């Protein structure tokens, strides 16, 4: 369709499917791809969602700083 916003939302939705299947590597990679697209199109809302999802990935794999 050629719509970057639609592609962005599809990438994020696909990542959620991987999250629920506990396929964390594809979940992470799709969110990185979506974040890149969000930043390129200046879509701050979806960039924030992608960053949140990436944070969830690191939380799930146990790689996060803890005070």
N, C-alpha and C. Protein backbone atom coordinates (compact mmCIF):
# COMPACT_ATOMS: atom_id res chain seq x y z
N UNK A 1 0.81 -1.20 0.00
CA UNK A 1 0.00 0.00 0.00
C UNK A 1 0.85 1.26 0.00
N UNK A 2 2.08 1.15 0.44
CA UNK A 2 2.97 2.30 0.42
C UNK A 2 2.80 3.28 1.56
N UNK A 3 2.04 2.93 2.57
CA UNK A 3 1.82 3.82 3.71
C UNK A 3 2.78 3.46 4.84
N UNK A 4 3.72 4.34 5.16
CA UNK A 4 4.64 4.04 6.26
C UNK A 4 3.93 3.84 7.61
N UNK A 5 2.87 4.61 7.86
CA UNK A 5 2.15 4.46 9.12
C UNK A 5 1.48 3.10 9.23
N UNK A 6 0.92 2.62 8.13
CA UNK A 6 0.30 1.30 8.13
C UNK A 6 1.36 0.22 8.34
N UNK A 7 2.48 0.35 7.66
CA UNK A 7 3.57 -0.62 7.83
C UNK A 7 4.04 -0.64 9.27
N UNK A 8 4.17 0.53 9.86
CA UNK A 8 4.60 0.65 11.25
C UNK A 8 3.65 -0.09 12.19
N UNK A 9 2.37 0.13 12.02
CA UNK A 9 1.39 -0.51 12.89
C UNK A 9 1.37 -2.03 12.67
N UNK A 10 1.53 -2.46 11.43
CA UNK A 10 1.58 -3.90 11.14
C UNK A 10 2.80 -4.55 11.79
N UNK A 11 3.94 -3.88 11.74
CA UNK A 11 5.14 -4.41 12.39
C UNK A 11 4.93 -4.57 13.89
N UNK A 12 4.32 -3.57 14.48
CA UNK A 12 4.08 -3.65 15.93
C UNK A 12 3.09 -4.76 16.28
N UNK A 13 2.02 -4.89 15.49
CA UNK A 13 1.04 -5.94 15.75
C UNK A 13 1.66 -7.32 15.57
N UNK A 14 2.49 -7.47 14.56
CA UNK A 14 3.17 -8.74 14.33
C UNK A 14 4.10 -9.05 15.51
N UNK A 15 4.74 -8.02 16.04
CA UNK A 15 5.63 -8.23 17.18
C UNK A 15 4.84 -8.74 18.39
N UNK A 16 3.65 -8.22 18.58
CA UNK A 16 2.82 -8.64 19.72
C UNK A 16 2.47 -10.13 19.60
N UNK A 17 2.20 -10.58 18.38
CA UNK A 17 1.91 -12.01 18.17
C UNK A 17 3.11 -12.85 18.60
N UNK A 18 4.31 -12.39 18.27
CA UNK A 18 5.52 -13.12 18.68
C UNK A 18 5.69 -13.08 20.19
N UNK A 19 5.36 -11.96 20.81
CA UNK A 19 5.47 -11.84 22.26
C UNK A 19 4.60 -12.89 22.95
N UNK A 20 3.36 -13.03 22.49
CA UNK A 20 2.46 -13.99 23.12
C UNK A 20 2.84 -15.43 22.85
N UNK A 21 3.64 -15.67 21.82
CA UNK A 21 4.17 -17.01 21.56
C UNK A 21 5.51 -17.21 22.27
N UNK A 22 5.95 -16.19 23.00
CA UNK A 22 7.23 -16.19 23.71
C UNK A 22 8.42 -16.30 22.76
N UNK A 23 8.26 -15.80 21.55
CA UNK A 23 9.35 -15.69 20.57
C UNK A 23 9.94 -14.29 20.72
N UNK A 24 10.84 -14.14 21.65
CA UNK A 24 11.29 -12.81 22.02
C UNK A 24 12.25 -12.17 21.02
N UNK A 25 13.05 -12.95 20.32
CA UNK A 25 13.98 -12.37 19.36
C UNK A 25 13.22 -11.70 18.21
N UNK A 26 12.24 -12.38 17.57
CA UNK A 26 11.48 -11.68 16.53
C UNK A 26 10.70 -10.48 17.08
N UNK A 27 10.20 -10.61 18.30
CA UNK A 27 9.50 -9.50 18.96
C UNK A 27 10.42 -8.28 19.03
N UNK A 28 11.65 -8.50 19.49
CA UNK A 28 12.62 -7.42 19.61
C UNK A 28 12.97 -6.84 18.25
N UNK A 29 13.28 -7.68 17.29
CA UNK A 29 13.69 -7.21 15.96
C UNK A 29 12.59 -6.42 15.26
N UNK A 30 11.35 -6.88 15.37
CA UNK A 30 10.25 -6.15 14.74
C UNK A 30 10.06 -4.78 15.38
N UNK A 31 10.25 -4.70 16.68
CA UNK A 31 10.11 -3.40 17.34
C UNK A 31 11.25 -2.46 16.99
N UNK A 32 12.45 -2.99 16.79
CA UNK A 32 13.56 -2.15 16.33
C UNK A 32 13.26 -1.62 14.94
N UNK A 33 12.76 -2.49 14.06
CA UNK A 33 12.40 -2.06 12.70
C UNK A 33 11.30 -1.01 12.74
N UNK A 34 10.30 -1.24 13.57
CA UNK A 34 9.20 -0.28 13.69
C UNK A 34 9.69 1.05 14.27
N UNK A 35 10.59 0.98 15.23
CA UNK A 35 11.14 2.21 15.83
C UNK A 35 11.90 3.02 14.78
N UNK A 36 12.68 2.35 13.96
CA UNK A 36 13.41 3.04 12.90
C UNK A 36 12.45 3.75 11.96
N UNK A 37 11.38 3.08 11.60
CA UNK A 37 10.38 3.68 10.72
C UNK A 37 9.67 4.83 11.41
N UNK A 38 9.34 4.67 12.68
CA UNK A 38 8.67 5.73 13.44
C UNK A 38 9.55 6.97 13.52
N UNK A 39 10.83 6.77 13.75
CA UNK A 39 11.75 7.91 13.84
C UNK A 39 11.89 8.59 12.48
N UNK A 40 11.95 7.79 11.41
CA UNK A 40 12.10 8.35 10.07
C UNK A 40 10.86 9.18 9.67
N UNK A 41 9.67 8.75 10.11
CA UNK A 41 8.44 9.46 9.77
C UNK A 41 8.02 10.46 10.84
N UNK A 42 8.86 10.61 11.87
CA UNK A 42 8.60 11.55 12.97
C UNK A 42 7.30 11.25 13.71
N UNK A 43 7.00 9.96 13.85
CA UNK A 43 5.81 9.51 14.55
C UNK A 43 6.19 9.24 16.02
N UNK A 44 6.09 10.28 16.85
CA UNK A 44 6.55 10.19 18.23
C UNK A 44 5.73 9.22 19.06
N UNK A 45 4.45 9.15 18.82
CA UNK A 45 3.58 8.25 19.60
C UNK A 45 4.00 6.80 19.41
N UNK A 46 4.12 6.39 18.16
CA UNK A 46 4.49 4.99 17.90
C UNK A 46 5.94 4.72 18.26
N UNK A 47 6.80 5.72 18.16
CA UNK A 47 8.19 5.55 18.61
C UNK A 47 8.20 5.23 20.11
N UNK A 48 7.37 5.93 20.86
CA UNK A 48 7.27 5.67 22.30
C UNK A 48 6.78 4.28 22.60
N UNK A 49 5.80 3.82 21.84
CA UNK A 49 5.28 2.46 22.03
C UNK A 49 6.37 1.43 21.73
N UNK A 50 7.12 1.66 20.66
CA UNK A 50 8.22 0.74 20.30
C UNK A 50 9.28 0.72 21.40
N UNK A 51 9.63 1.89 21.92
CA UNK A 51 10.63 1.96 22.99
C UNK A 51 10.13 1.22 24.23
N UNK A 52 8.86 1.36 24.53
CA UNK A 52 8.28 0.63 25.66
C UNK A 52 8.39 -0.88 25.43
N UNK A 53 8.06 -1.32 24.21
CA UNK A 53 8.13 -2.74 23.89
C UNK A 53 9.56 -3.26 23.99
N UNK A 54 10.52 -2.46 23.55
CA UNK A 54 11.92 -2.86 23.65
C UNK A 54 12.33 -2.97 25.12
N UNK A 55 11.83 -2.06 25.95
CA UNK A 55 12.08 -2.15 27.39
C UNK A 55 11.49 -3.42 27.98
N UNK A 56 10.31 -3.79 27.54
CA UNK A 56 9.67 -5.02 28.01
C UNK A 56 10.50 -6.23 27.61
N UNK A 57 11.07 -6.19 26.41
CA UNK A 57 11.94 -7.28 25.96
C UNK A 57 13.11 -7.45 26.94
N UNK A 58 13.79 -6.35 27.26
CA UNK A 58 14.93 -6.44 28.17
C UNK A 58 14.51 -6.88 29.56
N UNK A 59 13.34 -6.47 30.00
CA UNK A 59 12.83 -6.92 31.29
C UNK A 59 12.60 -8.43 31.27
N UNK A 60 12.00 -8.94 30.20
CA UNK A 60 11.70 -10.37 30.08
C UNK A 60 12.96 -11.23 30.04
N UNK A 61 14.03 -10.73 29.42
CA UNK A 61 15.25 -11.54 29.35
C UNK A 61 16.16 -11.29 30.56
N UNK A 62 15.76 -10.38 31.43
CA UNK A 62 16.48 -10.14 32.67
C UNK A 62 17.71 -9.26 32.52
N UNK A 63 17.78 -8.49 31.47
CA UNK A 63 18.92 -7.58 31.28
C UNK A 63 18.47 -6.15 31.51
N UNK A 64 18.48 -5.74 32.75
CA UNK A 64 18.12 -4.38 33.06
C UNK A 64 18.85 -3.98 34.34
N UNK A 65 19.20 -2.71 34.45
CA UNK A 65 19.87 -2.28 35.68
C UNK A 65 18.90 -2.25 36.84
N UNK A 66 19.35 -2.67 37.96
CA UNK A 66 18.50 -2.67 39.15
C UNK A 66 19.27 -1.96 40.26
N UNK A 67 18.66 -0.95 40.87
CA UNK A 67 19.38 -0.20 41.92
C UNK A 67 19.67 -1.02 43.15
